Amino acid sequence: MNKTIRIATPLIAVALMSGASFFAHAQTNQAPVAQSQSWNTPPPGTEQAQSAYRDGVEAAKLDKAAKRPIDAKLSHLYVHPPVKGSARDEYRANFVAGYEAAVKHSSGE
C-alpha cells in the first residue's frame, strides 16, 4: 500500500498539472469563434435593410434544409418583398447580401 501511494501521488500531480494546459488551450481557441459569428450580423443601415439581410440569412438556411435550389432570386421574399414602392429594390439588395453571406458561410469559405 505504501509503495502504491508513492507511485500514485506523483502521477496524480503530473496529471493535474498537464490538465491545466488543456484548459488554457481551450480558452484561447474560443475567441475566434465569436469573430466568425459576424457574418450573420446585418451591416449598418436602416432597420428595414437590416431586416432584409436577416431575412436573406434565414431564407438561405431554410432553402438548404429543405433541399431547394440555392438561389436568392427564387426565394418567396425576394419575389414578393414585404415592402412597397421604391423600398423594394433596397430590400432585395440587402436580402441577396444576407442570402449570399449565409451560403458562403455554410460552404466553409
PDB file of N, CA and C in Angstrom:
ATOM      1  N   MET A   1       0.826  -1.195   0.000  1.00  0.00           N
ATOM      2  CA  MET A   1       0.000   0.000   0.000  1.00  0.00           C
ATOM      3  C   MET A   1       0.867   1.254   0.000  1.00  0.00           C
ATOM      4  N   ASN A   2       1.928   1.256   0.785  1.00  0.00           N
ATOM      5  CA  ASN A   2       2.816   2.400   0.886  1.00  0.00           C
ATOM      6  C   ASN A   2       3.501   2.664  -0.459  1.00  0.00           C
ATOM      7  N   LYS A   3       3.880   1.584  -1.172  1.00  0.00           N
ATOM      8  CA  LYS A   3       4.517   1.751  -2.476  1.00  0.00           C
ATOM      9  C   LYS A   3       3.518   2.313  -3.494  1.00  0.00           C
ATOM     10  N   THR A   4       2.274   1.901  -3.407  1.00  0.00           N
ATOM     11  CA  THR A   4       1.249   2.383  -4.317  1.00  0.00           C
ATOM     12  C   THR A   4       1.048   3.886  -4.147  1.00  0.00           C
ATOM     13  N   ILE A   5       1.029   4.355  -2.921  1.00  0.00           N
ATOM     14  CA  ILE A   5       0.860   5.788  -2.651  1.00  0.00           C
ATOM     15  C   ILE A   5       2.061   6.558  -3.167  1.00  0.00           C
ATOM     16  N   ARG A   6       3.258   6.008  -3.027  1.00  0.00           N
ATOM     17  CA  ARG A   6       4.468   6.694  -3.513  1.00  0.00           C
ATOM     18  C   ARG A   6       4.466   6.817  -5.035  1.00  0.00           C
ATOM     19  N   ILE A   7       3.893   5.864  -5.711  1.00  0.00           N
ATOM     20  CA  ILE A   7       3.852   5.915  -7.178  1.00  0.00           C
ATOM     21  C   ILE A   7       2.656   6.748  -7.653  1.00  0.00           C
ATOM     22  N   ALA A   8       1.526   6.580  -7.002  1.00  0.00           N
ATOM     23  CA  ALA A   8       0.301   7.237  -7.444  1.00  0.00           C
ATOM     24  C   ALA A   8       0.330   8.750  -7.212  1.00  0.00           C
ATOM     25  N   THR A   9       0.914   9.202  -6.132  1.00  0.00           N
ATOM     26  CA  THR A   9       0.911  10.629  -5.806  1.00  0.00           C
ATOM     27  C   THR A   9       1.604  11.466  -6.880  1.00  0.00           C
ATOM     28  N   PRO A  10       2.811  11.131  -7.312  1.00  0.00           N
ATOM     29  CA  PRO A  10       3.421  11.945  -8.377  1.00  0.00           C
ATOM     30  C   PRO A  10       2.655  11.854  -9.705  1.00  0.00           C
ATOM     31  N   LEU A  11       2.085  10.690  -9.988  1.00  0.00           N
ATOM     32  CA  LEU A  11       1.326  10.558 -11.229  1.00  0.00           C
ATOM     33  C   LEU A  11       0.085  11.438 -11.213  1.00  0.00           C
ATOM     34  N   ILE A  12      -0.576  11.504 -10.087  1.00  0.00           N
ATOM     35  CA  ILE A  12      -1.757  12.361  -9.967  1.00  0.00           C
ATOM     36  C   ILE A  12      -1.362  13.828 -10.110  1.00  0.00           C
ATOM     37  N   ALA A  13      -0.233  14.212  -9.493  1.00  0.00           N
ATOM     38  CA  ALA A  13       0.235  15.592  -9.593  1.00  0.00           C
ATOM     39  C   ALA A  13       0.547  15.961 -11.046  1.00  0.00           C
ATOM     40  N   VAL A  14       1.206  15.065 -11.762  1.00  0.00           N
ATOM     41  CA  VAL A  14       1.534  15.326 -13.165  1.00  0.00           C
ATOM     42  C   VAL A  14       0.247  15.433 -13.993  1.00  0.00           C
ATOM     43  N   ALA A  15      -0.693  14.556 -13.737  1.00  0.00           N
ATOM     44  CA  ALA A  15      -1.953  14.592 -14.473  1.00  0.00           C
ATOM     45  C   ALA A  15      -2.701  15.896 -14.227  1.00  0.00           C
ATOM     46  N   LEU A  16      -2.723  16.367 -12.991  1.00  0.00           N
ATOM     47  CA  LEU A  16      -3.404  17.621 -12.684  1.00  0.00           C
ATOM     48  C   LEU A  16      -2.712  18.811 -13.333  1.00  0.00           C
ATOM     49  N   MET A  17      -1.401  18.800 -13.331  1.00  0.00           N
ATOM     50  CA  MET A  17      -0.663  19.929 -13.910  1.00  0.00           C
ATOM     51  C   MET A  17      -0.777  19.941 -15.437  1.00  0.00           C
ATOM     52  N   SER A  18      -0.803  18.789 -16.057  1.00  0.00           N
ATOM     53  CA  SER A  18      -0.917  18.774 -17.514  1.00  0.00           C
ATOM     54  C   SER A  18      -2.336  19.115 -17.957  1.00  0.00           C
ATOM     55  N   GLY A  19      -3.317  18.858 -17.150  1.00  0.00           N
ATOM     56  CA  GLY A  19      -4.702  19.193 -17.485  1.00  0.00           C
ATOM     57  C   GLY A  19      -4.920  20.685 -17.574  1.00  0.00           C
ATOM     58  N   ALA A  20      -4.173  21.479 -16.804  1.00  0.00           N
ATOM     59  CA  ALA A  20      -4.323  22.929 -16.834  1.00  0.00           C
ATOM     60  C   ALA A  20      -3.975  23.482 -18.204  1.00  0.00           C
ATOM     61  N   SER A  21      -2.994  22.900 -18.870  1.00  0.00           N
ATOM     62  CA  SER A  21      -2.630  23.410 -20.191  1.00  0.00           C
ATOM     63  C   SER A  21      -3.732  23.127 -21.203  1.00  0.00           C
ATOM     64  N   PHE A  22      -4.458  22.031 -21.048  1.00  0.00           N
ATOM     65  CA  PHE A  22      -5.570  21.749 -21.947  1.00  0.00           C
ATOM     66  C   PHE A  22      -6.682  22.776 -21.766  1.00  0.00           C
ATOM     67  N   PHE A  23      -6.955  23.151 -20.518  1.00  0.00           N
ATOM     68  CA  PHE A  23      -7.990  24.150 -20.277  1.00  0.00           C
ATOM     69  C   PHE A  23      -7.574  25.514 -20.825  1.00  0.00           C
ATOM     70  N   ALA A  24      -6.321  25.876 -20.655  1.00  0.00           N
ATOM     71  CA  ALA A  24      -5.835  27.158 -21.165  1.00  0.00           C
ATOM     72  C   ALA A  24      -5.904  27.175 -22.687  1.00  0.00           C
ATOM     73  N   HIS A  25      -5.560  26.076 -23.321  1.00  0.00           N
ATOM     74  CA  HIS A  25      -5.611  25.991 -24.784  1.00  0.00           C
ATOM     75  C   HIS A  25      -7.058  26.095 -25.276  1.00  0.00           C
ATOM     76  N   ALA A  26      -7.962  25.471 -24.577  1.00  0.00           N
ATOM     77  CA  ALA A  26      -9.370  25.516 -24.973  1.00  0.00           C
ATOM     78  C   ALA A  26      -9.926  26.931 -24.839  1.00  0.00           C
ATOM     79  N   GLN A  27      -9.488  27.666 -23.849  1.00  0.00           N
ATOM     80  CA  GLN A  27      -9.988  29.021 -23.669  1.00  0.00           C
ATOM     81  C   GLN A  27      -9.458  29.959 -24.747  1.00  0.00           C
ATOM     82  N   THR A  28      -8.232  29.760 -25.189  1.00  0.00           N
ATOM     83  CA  THR A  28      -7.691  30.637 -26.222  1.00  0.00           C
ATOM     84  C   THR A  28      -8.339  30.363 -27.571  1.00  0.00           C
ATOM     85  N   ASN A  29      -8.851  29.171 -27.789  1.00  0.00           N
ATOM     86  CA  ASN A  29      -9.487  28.851 -29.062  1.00  0.00           C
ATOM     87  C   ASN A  29     -10.920  29.373 -29.145  1.00  0.00           C
ATOM     88  N   GLN A  30     -11.476  29.881 -28.081  1.00  0.00           N
ATOM     89  CA  GLN A  30     -12.849  30.357 -28.112  1.00  0.00           C
ATOM     90  C   GLN A  30     -12.968  31.747 -28.706  1.00  0.00           C
ATOM     91  N   ALA A  31     -11.937  32.543 -28.701  1.00  0.00           N
ATOM     92  CA  ALA A  31     -12.020  33.909 -29.210  1.00  0.00           C
ATOM     93  C   ALA A  31     -12.355  33.962 -30.701  1.00  0.00           C
ATOM     94  N   PRO A  32     -11.720  33.171 -31.577  1.00  0.00           N
ATOM     95  CA  PRO A  32     -12.067  33.261 -32.997  1.00  0.00           C
ATOM     96  C   PRO A  32     -13.499  32.854 -33.302  1.00  0.00           C
ATOM     97  N   VAL A  33     -14.108  32.031 -32.476  1.00  0.00           N
ATOM     98  CA  VAL A  33     -15.484  31.612 -32.720  1.00  0.00           C
ATOM     99  C   VAL A  33     -16.411  32.818 -32.677  1.00  0.00           C
ATOM    100  N   ALA A  34     -16.193  33.719 -31.734  1.00  0.00           N
ATOM    101  CA  ALA A  34     -17.035  34.905 -31.628  1.00  0.00           C
ATOM    102  C   ALA A  34     -16.865  35.796 -32.854  1.00  0.00           C
ATOM    103  N   GLN A  35     -15.662  35.871 -33.401  1.00  0.00           N
ATOM    104  CA  GLN A  35     -15.431  36.698 -34.571  1.00  0.00           C
ATOM    105  C   GLN A  35     -16.050  36.082 -35.815  1.00  0.00           C
ATOM    106  N   SER A  36     -16.092  34.758 -35.903  1.00  0.00           N
ATOM    107  CA  SER A  36     -16.653  34.126 -37.090  1.00  0.00           C
ATOM    108  C   SER A  36     -18.171  34.246 -37.128  1.00  0.00           C
ATOM    109  N   GLN A  37     -18.801  34.614 -36.033  1.00  0.00           N
ATOM    110  CA  GLN A  37     -20.252  34.783 -35.994  1.00  0.00           C
ATOM    111  C   GLN A  37     -20.672  36.090 -36.662  1.00  0.00           C
ATOM    112  N   SER A  38     -19.731  36.983 -36.978  1.00  0.00           N
ATOM    113  CA  SER A  38     -20.092  38.292 -37.506  1.00  0.00           C
ATOM    114  C   SER A  38     -20.643  38.241 -38.926  1.00  0.00           C
ATOM    115  N   TRP A  39     -20.558  37.121 -39.612  1.00  0.00           N
ATOM    116  CA  TRP A  39     -21.080  37.036 -40.978  1.00  0.00           C
ATOM    117  C   TRP A  39     -22.590  37.221 -41.004  1.00  0.00           C
ATOM    118  N   ASN A  40     -23.266  36.860 -39.916  1.00  0.00           N
ATOM    119  CA  ASN A  40     -24.730  36.973 -39.915  1.00  0.00           C
ATOM    120  C   ASN A  40     -25.226  38.252 -39.252  1.00  0.00           C
ATOM    121  N   THR A  41     -24.312  39.159 -38.958  1.00  0.00           N
ATOM    122  CA  THR A  41     -24.700  40.450 -38.402  1.00  0.00           C
ATOM    123  C   THR A  41     -24.994  41.401 -39.553  1.00  0.00           C
ATOM    124  N   PRO A  42     -26.175  41.989 -39.576  1.00  0.00           N
ATOM    125  CA  PRO A  42     -26.511  42.884 -40.686  1.00  0.00           C
ATOM    126  C   PRO A  42     -25.588  44.098 -40.718  1.00  0.00           C
ATOM    127  N   PRO A  43     -25.285  44.592 -41.904  1.00  0.00           N
ATOM    128  CA  PRO A  43     -24.464  45.807 -41.989  1.00  0.00           C
ATOM    129  C   PRO A  43     -25.247  46.997 -41.459  1.00  0.00           C
ATOM    130  N   PRO A  44     -24.545  48.041 -41.061  1.00  0.00           N
ATOM    131  CA  PRO A  44     -25.247  49.226 -40.561  1.00  0.00           C
ATOM    132  C   PRO A  44     -26.161  49.808 -41.646  1.00  0.00           C
ATOM    133  N   GLY A  45     -27.265  50.276 -41.225  1.00  0.00           N
ATOM    134  CA  GLY A  45     -28.232  50.858 -42.162  1.00  0.00           C
ATOM    135  C   GLY A  45     -29.570  50.998 -41.481  1.00  0.00           C
ATOM    136  N   THR A  46     -30.574  51.154 -42.290  1.00  0.00           N
ATOM    137  CA  THR A  46     -31.919  51.307 -41.740  1.00  0.00           C
ATOM    138  C   THR A  46     -32.381  49.978 -41.140  1.00  0.00           C
ATOM    139  N   GLU A  47     -33.387  50.054 -40.321  1.00  0.00           N
ATOM    140  CA  GLU A  47     -33.958  48.842 -39.721  1.00  0.00           C
ATOM    141  C   GLU A  47     -34.507  47.926 -40.800  1.00  0.00           C
ATOM    142  N   GLN A  48     -35.067  48.532 -41.825  1.00  0.00           N
ATOM    143  CA  GLN A  48     -35.619  47.749 -42.931  1.00  0.00           C
ATOM    144  C   GLN A  48     -34.508  47.004 -43.679  1.00  0.00           C
ATOM    145  N   ALA A  49     -33.373  47.642 -43.891  1.00  0.00           N
ATOM    146  CA  ALA A  49     -32.249  46.995 -44.578  1.00  0.00           C
ATOM    147  C   ALA A  49     -31.695  45.854 -43.731  1.00  0.00           C
ATOM    148  N   GLN A  50     -31.582  46.070 -42.428  1.00  0.00           N
ATOM    149  CA  GLN A  50     -31.098  45.017 -41.539  1.00  0.00           C
ATOM    150  C   GLN A  50     -32.076  43.848 -41.500  1.00  0.00           C
ATOM    151  N   SER A  51     -33.352  44.152 -41.505  1.00  0.00           N
ATOM    152  CA  SER A  51     -34.369  43.101 -41.517  1.00  0.00           C
ATOM    153  C   SER A  51     -34.274  42.284 -42.803  1.00  0.00           C
ATOM    154  N   ALA A  52     -34.060  42.946 -43.932  1.00  0.00           N
ATOM    155  CA  ALA A  52     -33.924  42.242 -45.212  1.00  0.00           C
ATOM    156  C   ALA A  52     -32.709  41.327 -45.196  1.00  0.00           C
ATOM    157  N   TYR A  53     -31.604  41.785 -44.611  1.00  0.00           N
ATOM    158  CA  TYR A  53     -30.392  40.972 -44.521  1.00  0.00           C
ATOM    159  C   TYR A  53     -30.658  39.722 -43.682  1.00  0.00           C
ATOM    160  N   ARG A  54     -31.293  39.914 -42.528  1.00  0.00           N
ATOM    161  CA  ARG A  54     -31.630  38.767 -41.664  1.00  0.00           C
ATOM    162  C   ARG A  54     -32.589  37.812 -42.360  1.00  0.00           C
ATOM    163  N   ASP A  55     -33.546  38.364 -43.106  1.00  0.00           N
ATOM    164  CA  ASP A  55     -34.470  37.517 -43.872  1.00  0.00           C
ATOM    165  C   ASP A  55     -33.708  36.683 -44.902  1.00  0.00           C
ATOM    166  N   GLY A  56     -32.718  37.285 -45.541  1.00  0.00           N
ATOM    167  CA  GLY A  56     -31.910  36.561 -46.516  1.00  0.00           C
ATOM    168  C   GLY A  56     -31.121  35.430 -45.887  1.00  0.00           C
ATOM    169  N   VAL A  57     -30.556  35.677 -44.704  1.00  0.00           N
ATOM    170  CA  VAL A  57     -29.809  34.637 -43.981  1.00  0.00           C
ATOM    171  C   VAL A  57     -30.740  33.474 -43.646  1.00  0.00           C
ATOM    172  N   GLU A  58     -31.910  33.788 -43.115  1.00  0.00           N
ATOM    173  CA  GLU A  58     -32.861  32.738 -42.740  1.00  0.00           C
ATOM    174  C   GLU A  58     -33.384  31.983 -43.964  1.00  0.00           C
ATOM    175  N   ALA A  59     -33.631  32.699 -45.057  1.00  0.00           N
ATOM    176  CA  ALA A  59     -34.125  32.045 -46.274  1.00  0.00           C
ATOM    177  C   ALA A  59     -33.090  31.067 -46.811  1.00  0.00           C
ATOM    178  N   ALA A  60     -31.819  31.431 -46.752  1.00  0.00           N
ATOM    179  CA  ALA A  60     -30.764  30.525 -47.223  1.00  0.00           C
ATOM    180  C   ALA A  60     -30.710  29.273 -46.356  1.00  0.00           C
ATOM    181  N   LYS A  61     -30.824  29.449 -45.059  1.00  0.00           N
ATOM    182  CA  LYS A  61     -30.813  28.286 -44.158  1.00  0.00           C
ATOM    183  C   LYS A  61     -32.005  27.366 -44.448  1.00  0.00           C
ATOM    184  N   LEU A  62     -33.174  27.968 -44.638  1.00  0.00           N
ATOM    185  CA  LEU A  62     -34.371  27.176 -44.905  1.00  0.00           C
ATOM    186  C   LEU A  62     -34.284  26.462 -46.263  1.00  0.00           C
ATOM    187  N   ASP A  63     -33.761  27.156 -47.266  1.00  0.00           N
ATOM    188  CA  ASP A  63     -33.618  26.533 -48.582  1.00  0.00           C
ATOM    189  C   ASP A  63     -32.662  25.345 -48.521  1.00  0.00           C
ATOM    190  N   LYS A  64     -31.587  25.508 -47.790  1.00  0.00           N
ATOM    191  CA  LYS A  64     -30.618  24.412 -47.666  1.00  0.00           C
ATOM    192  C   LYS A  64     -31.237  23.240 -46.913  1.00  0.00           C
ATOM    193  N   ALA A  65     -31.954  23.533 -45.827  1.00  0.00           N
ATOM    194  CA  ALA A  65     -32.574  22.472 -45.027  1.00  0.00           C
ATOM    195  C   ALA A  65     -33.652  21.731 -45.816  1.00  0.00           C
ATOM    196  N   ALA A  66     -34.392  22.459 -46.651  1.00  0.00           N
ATOM    197  CA  ALA A  66     -35.466  21.853 -47.436  1.00  0.00           C
ATOM    198  C   ALA A  66     -34.953  21.273 -48.761  1.00  0.00           C
ATOM    199  N   LYS A  67     -33.647  21.401 -48.986  1.00  0.00           N
ATOM    200  CA  LYS A  67     -33.001  20.900 -50.213  1.00  0.00           C
ATOM    201  C   LYS A  67     -33.617  21.515 -51.468  1.00  0.00           C
ATOM    202  N   ARG A  68     -33.927  22.818 -51.341  1.00  0.00           N
ATOM    203  CA  ARG A  68     -34.404  23.569 -52.501  1.00  0.00           C
ATOM    204  C   ARG A  68     -33.196  24.143 -53.232  1.00  0.00           C
ATOM    205  N   PRO A  69     -33.384  24.601 -54.468  1.00  0.00           N
ATOM    206  CA  PRO A  69     -32.266  25.236 -55.183  1.00  0.00           C
ATOM    207  C   PRO A  69     -31.746  26.441 -54.399  1.00  0.00           C
ATOM    208  N   ILE A  70     -30.445  26.588 -54.345  1.00  0.00           N
ATOM    209  CA  ILE A  70     -29.822  27.687 -53.607  1.00  0.00           C
ATOM    210  C   ILE A  70     -29.700  28.880 -54.559  1.00  0.00           C
ATOM    211  N   ASP A  71     -30.703  29.728 -54.518  1.00  0.00           N
ATOM    212  CA  ASP A  71     -30.735  30.921 -55.360  1.00  0.00           C
ATOM    213  C   ASP A  71     -31.641  31.943 -54.688  1.00  0.00           C
ATOM    214  N   ALA A  72     -31.069  33.083 -54.348  1.00  0.00           N
ATOM    215  CA  ALA A  72     -31.827  34.117 -53.639  1.00  0.00           C
ATOM    216  C   ALA A  72     -33.006  34.615 -54.467  1.00  0.00           C
ATOM    217  N   LYS A  73     -32.834  34.667 -55.776  1.00  0.00           N
ATOM    218  CA  LYS A  73     -33.880  35.234 -56.622  1.00  0.00           C
ATOM    219  C   LYS A  73     -35.081  34.306 -56.801  1.00  0.00           C
ATOM    220  N   LEU A  74     -34.951  33.067 -56.350  1.00  0.00           N
ATOM    221  CA  LEU A  74     -36.083  32.141 -56.385  1.00  0.00           C
ATOM    222  C   LEU A  74     -36.871  32.151 -55.078  1.00  0.00           C
ATOM    223  N   SER A  75     -36.333  32.831 -54.072  1.00  0.00           N
ATOM    224  CA  SER A  75     -36.973  32.864 -52.764  1.00  0.00           C
ATOM    225  C   SER A  75     -38.272  33.682 -52.803  1.00  0.00           C
ATOM    226  N   HIS A  76     -39.219  33.254 -52.007  1.00  0.00           N
ATOM    227  CA  HIS A  76     -40.522  33.925 -51.940  1.00  0.00           C
ATOM    228  C   HIS A  76     -40.371  35.387 -51.513  1.00  0.00           C
ATOM    229  N   LEU A  77     -39.508  35.648 -50.520  1.00  0.00           N
ATOM    230  CA  LEU A  77     -39.351  37.019 -50.033  1.00  0.00           C
ATOM    231  C   LEU A  77     -38.626  37.912 -51.030  1.00  0.00           C
ATOM    232  N   TYR A  78     -37.854  37.336 -51.921  1.00  0.00           N
ATOM    233  CA  TYR A  78     -37.242  38.146 -52.971  1.00  0.00           C
ATOM    234  C   TYR A  78     -38.289  38.492 -54.035  1.00  0.00           C
ATOM    235  N   VAL A  79     -39.063  37.502 -54.416  1.00  0.00           N
ATOM    236  CA  VAL A  79     -40.082  37.719 -55.445  1.00  0.00           C
ATOM    237  C   VAL A  79     -41.198  38.628 -54.926  1.00  0.00           C
ATOM    238  N   HIS A  80     -41.595  38.430 -53.675  1.00  0.00           N
ATOM    239  CA  HIS A  80     -42.677  39.208 -53.056  1.00  0.00           C
ATOM    240  C   HIS A  80     -42.173  39.861 -51.772  1.00  0.00           C
ATOM    241  N   PRO A  81     -41.363  40.915 -51.876  1.00  0.00           N
ATOM    242  CA  PRO A  81     -40.844  41.559 -50.662  1.00  0.00           C
ATOM    243  C   PRO A  81     -41.964  42.166 -49.821  1.00  0.00           C
ATOM    244  N   PRO A  82     -41.801  42.161 -48.505  1.00  0.00           N
ATOM    245  CA  PRO A  82     -42.847  42.678 -47.620  1.00  0.00           C
ATOM    246  C   PRO A  82     -42.833  44.202 -47.487  1.00  0.00           C
ATOM    247  N   VAL A  83     -42.358  44.883 -48.526  1.00  0.00           N
ATOM    248  CA  VAL A  83     -42.319  46.353 -48.516  1.00  0.00           C
ATOM    249  C   VAL A  83     -42.949  46.848 -49.815  1.00  0.00           C
ATOM    250  N   LYS A  84     -43.237  48.128 -49.842  1.00  0.00           N
ATOM    251  CA  LYS A  84     -43.920  48.697 -51.017  1.00  0.00           C
ATOM    252  C   LYS A  84     -43.057  49.766 -51.683  1.00  0.00           C
ATOM    253  N   GLY A  85     -43.354  49.979 -52.928  1.00  0.00           N
ATOM    254  CA  GLY A  85     -42.769  51.099 -53.668  1.00  0.00           C
ATOM    255  C   GLY A  85     -41.277  51.002 -53.892  1.00  0.00           C
ATOM    256  N   SER A  86     -40.635  52.153 -53.713  1.00  0.00           N
ATOM    257  CA  SER A  86     -39.203  52.249 -54.012  1.00  0.00           C
ATOM    258  C   SER A  86     -38.336  51.477 -53.024  1.00  0.00           C
ATOM    259  N   ALA A  87     -38.881  51.072 -51.901  1.00  0.00           N
ATOM    260  CA  ALA A  87     -38.099  50.320 -50.902  1.00  0.00           C
ATOM    261  C   ALA A  87     -37.853  48.879 -51.338  1.00  0.00           C
ATOM    262  N   ARG A  88     -38.542  48.423 -52.380  1.00  0.00           N
ATOM    263  CA  ARG A  88     -38.389  47.038 -52.839  1.00  0.00           C
ATOM    264  C   ARG A  88     -36.966  46.743 -53.308  1.00  0.00           C
ATOM    265  N   ASP A  89     -36.375  47.675 -54.059  1.00  0.00           N
ATOM    266  CA  ASP A  89     -35.026  47.450 -54.581  1.00  0.00           C
ATOM    267  C   ASP A  89     -34.002  47.363 -53.451  1.00  0.00           C
ATOM    268  N   GLU A  90     -34.139  48.246 -52.460  1.00  0.00           N
ATOM    269  CA  GLU A  90     -33.228  48.211 -51.312  1.00  0.00           C
ATOM    270  C   GLU A  90     -33.408  46.913 -50.525  1.00  0.00           C
ATOM    271  N   TYR A  91     -34.651  46.508 -50.331  1.00  0.00           N
ATOM    272  CA  TYR A  91     -34.922  45.264 -49.615  1.00  0.00           C
ATOM    273  C   TYR A  91     -34.289  44.090 -50.353  1.00  0.00           C
ATOM    274  N   ARG A  92     -34.503  44.022 -51.650  1.00  0.00           N
ATOM    275  CA  ARG A  92     -33.977  42.906 -52.434  1.00  0.00           C
ATOM    276  C   ARG A  92     -32.446  42.868 -52.412  1.00  0.00           C
ATOM    277  N   ALA A  93     -31.810  44.026 -52.494  1.00  0.00           N
ATOM    278  CA  ALA A  93     -30.341  44.066 -52.474  1.00  0.00           C
ATOM    279  C   ALA A  93     -29.802  43.546 -51.139  1.00  0.00           C
ATOM    280  N   ASN A  94     -30.410  43.970 -50.037  1.00  0.00           N
ATOM    281  CA  ASN A  94     -29.957  43.514 -48.722  1.00  0.00           C
ATOM    282  C   ASN A  94     -30.327  42.053 -48.482  1.00  0.00           C
ATOM    283  N   PHE A  95     -31.446  41.620 -49.014  1.00  0.00           N
ATOM    284  CA  PHE A  95     -31.856  40.224 -48.909  1.00  0.00           C
ATOM    285  C   PHE A  95     -30.832  39.325 -49.600  1.00  0.00           C
ATOM    286  N   VAL A  96     -30.431  39.711 -50.806  1.00  0.00           N
ATOM    287  CA  VAL A  96     -29.435  38.930 -51.562  1.00  0.00           C
ATOM    288  C   VAL A  96     -28.103  38.923 -50.823  1.00  0.00           C
ATOM    289  N   ALA A  97     -27.710  40.048 -50.233  1.00  0.00           N
ATOM    290  CA  ALA A  97     -26.450  40.103 -49.489  1.00  0.00           C
ATOM    291  C   ALA A  97     -26.477  39.135 -48.305  1.00  0.00           C
ATOM    292  N   GLY A  98     -27.564  39.100 -47.572  1.00  0.00           N
ATOM    293  CA  GLY A  98     -27.686  38.177 -46.446  1.00  0.00           C
ATOM    294  C   GLY A  98     -27.737  36.734 -46.900  1.00  0.00           C
ATOM    295  N   TYR A  99     -28.436  36.479 -47.970  1.00  0.00           N
ATOM    296  CA  TYR A  99     -28.558  35.126 -48.517  1.00  0.00           C
ATOM    297  C   TYR A  99     -27.182  34.615 -48.943  1.00  0.00           C
ATOM    298  N   GLU A 100     -26.452  35.450 -49.688  1.00  0.00           N
ATOM    299  CA  GLU A 100     -25.125  35.044 -50.167  1.00  0.00           C
ATOM    300  C   GLU A 100     -24.139  34.864 -49.014  1.00  0.00           C
ATOM    301  N   ALA A 101     -24.238  35.685 -47.977  1.00  0.00           N
ATOM    302  CA  ALA A 101     -23.365  35.527 -46.819  1.00  0.00           C
ATOM    303  C   ALA A 101     -23.616  34.189 -46.133  1.00  0.00           C
ATOM    304  N   ALA A 102     -24.870  33.811 -46.010  1.00  0.00           N
ATOM    305  CA  ALA A 102     -25.214  32.532 -45.381  1.00  0.00           C
ATOM    306  C   ALA A 102     -24.742  31.361 -46.238  1.00  0.00           C
ATOM    307  N   VAL A 103     -24.896  31.456 -47.540  1.00  0.00           N
ATOM    308  CA  VAL A 103     -24.456  30.381 -48.436  1.00  0.00           C
ATOM    309  C   VAL A 103     -22.941  30.254 -48.373  1.00  0.00           C
ATOM    310  N   LYS A 104     -22.247  31.376 -48.394  1.00  0.00           N
ATOM    311  CA  LYS A 104     -20.785  31.353 -48.323  1.00  0.00           C
ATOM    312  C   LYS A 104     -20.313  30.764 -46.999  1.00  0.00           C
ATOM    313  N   HIS A 105     -20.984  31.142 -45.922  1.00  0.00           N
ATOM    314  CA  HIS A 105     -20.596  30.632 -44.612  1.00  0.00           C
ATOM    315  C   HIS A 105     -20.865  29.125 -44.501  1.00  0.00           C
ATOM    316  N   SER A 106     -21.969  28.670 -45.037  1.00  0.00           N
ATOM    317  CA  SER A 106     -22.310  27.244 -44.910  1.00  0.00           C
ATOM    318  C   SER A 106     -21.420  26.383 -45.788  1.00  0.00           C
ATOM    319  N   SER A 107     -20.845  26.968 -46.842  1.00  0.00           N
ATOM    320  CA  SER A 107     -19.947  26.183 -47.693  1.00  0.00           C
ATOM    321  C   SER A 107     -18.530  26.145 -47.137  1.00  0.00           C
ATOM    322  N   GLY A 108     -18.275  26.907 -46.060  1.00  0.00           N
ATOM    323  CA  GLY A 108     -16.977  26.868 -45.387  1.00  0.00           C
ATOM    324  C   GLY A 108     -15.929  27.775 -45.983  1.00  0.00           C
ATOM    325  N   GLU A 109     -16.276  28.719 -46.784  1.00  0.00           N
ATOM    326  CA  GLU A 109     -15.303  29.617 -47.390  1.00  0.00           C
ATOM    327  C   GLU A 109     -14.907  30.719 -46.450  1.00  0.00           C
TER     328      GLU A 109
END
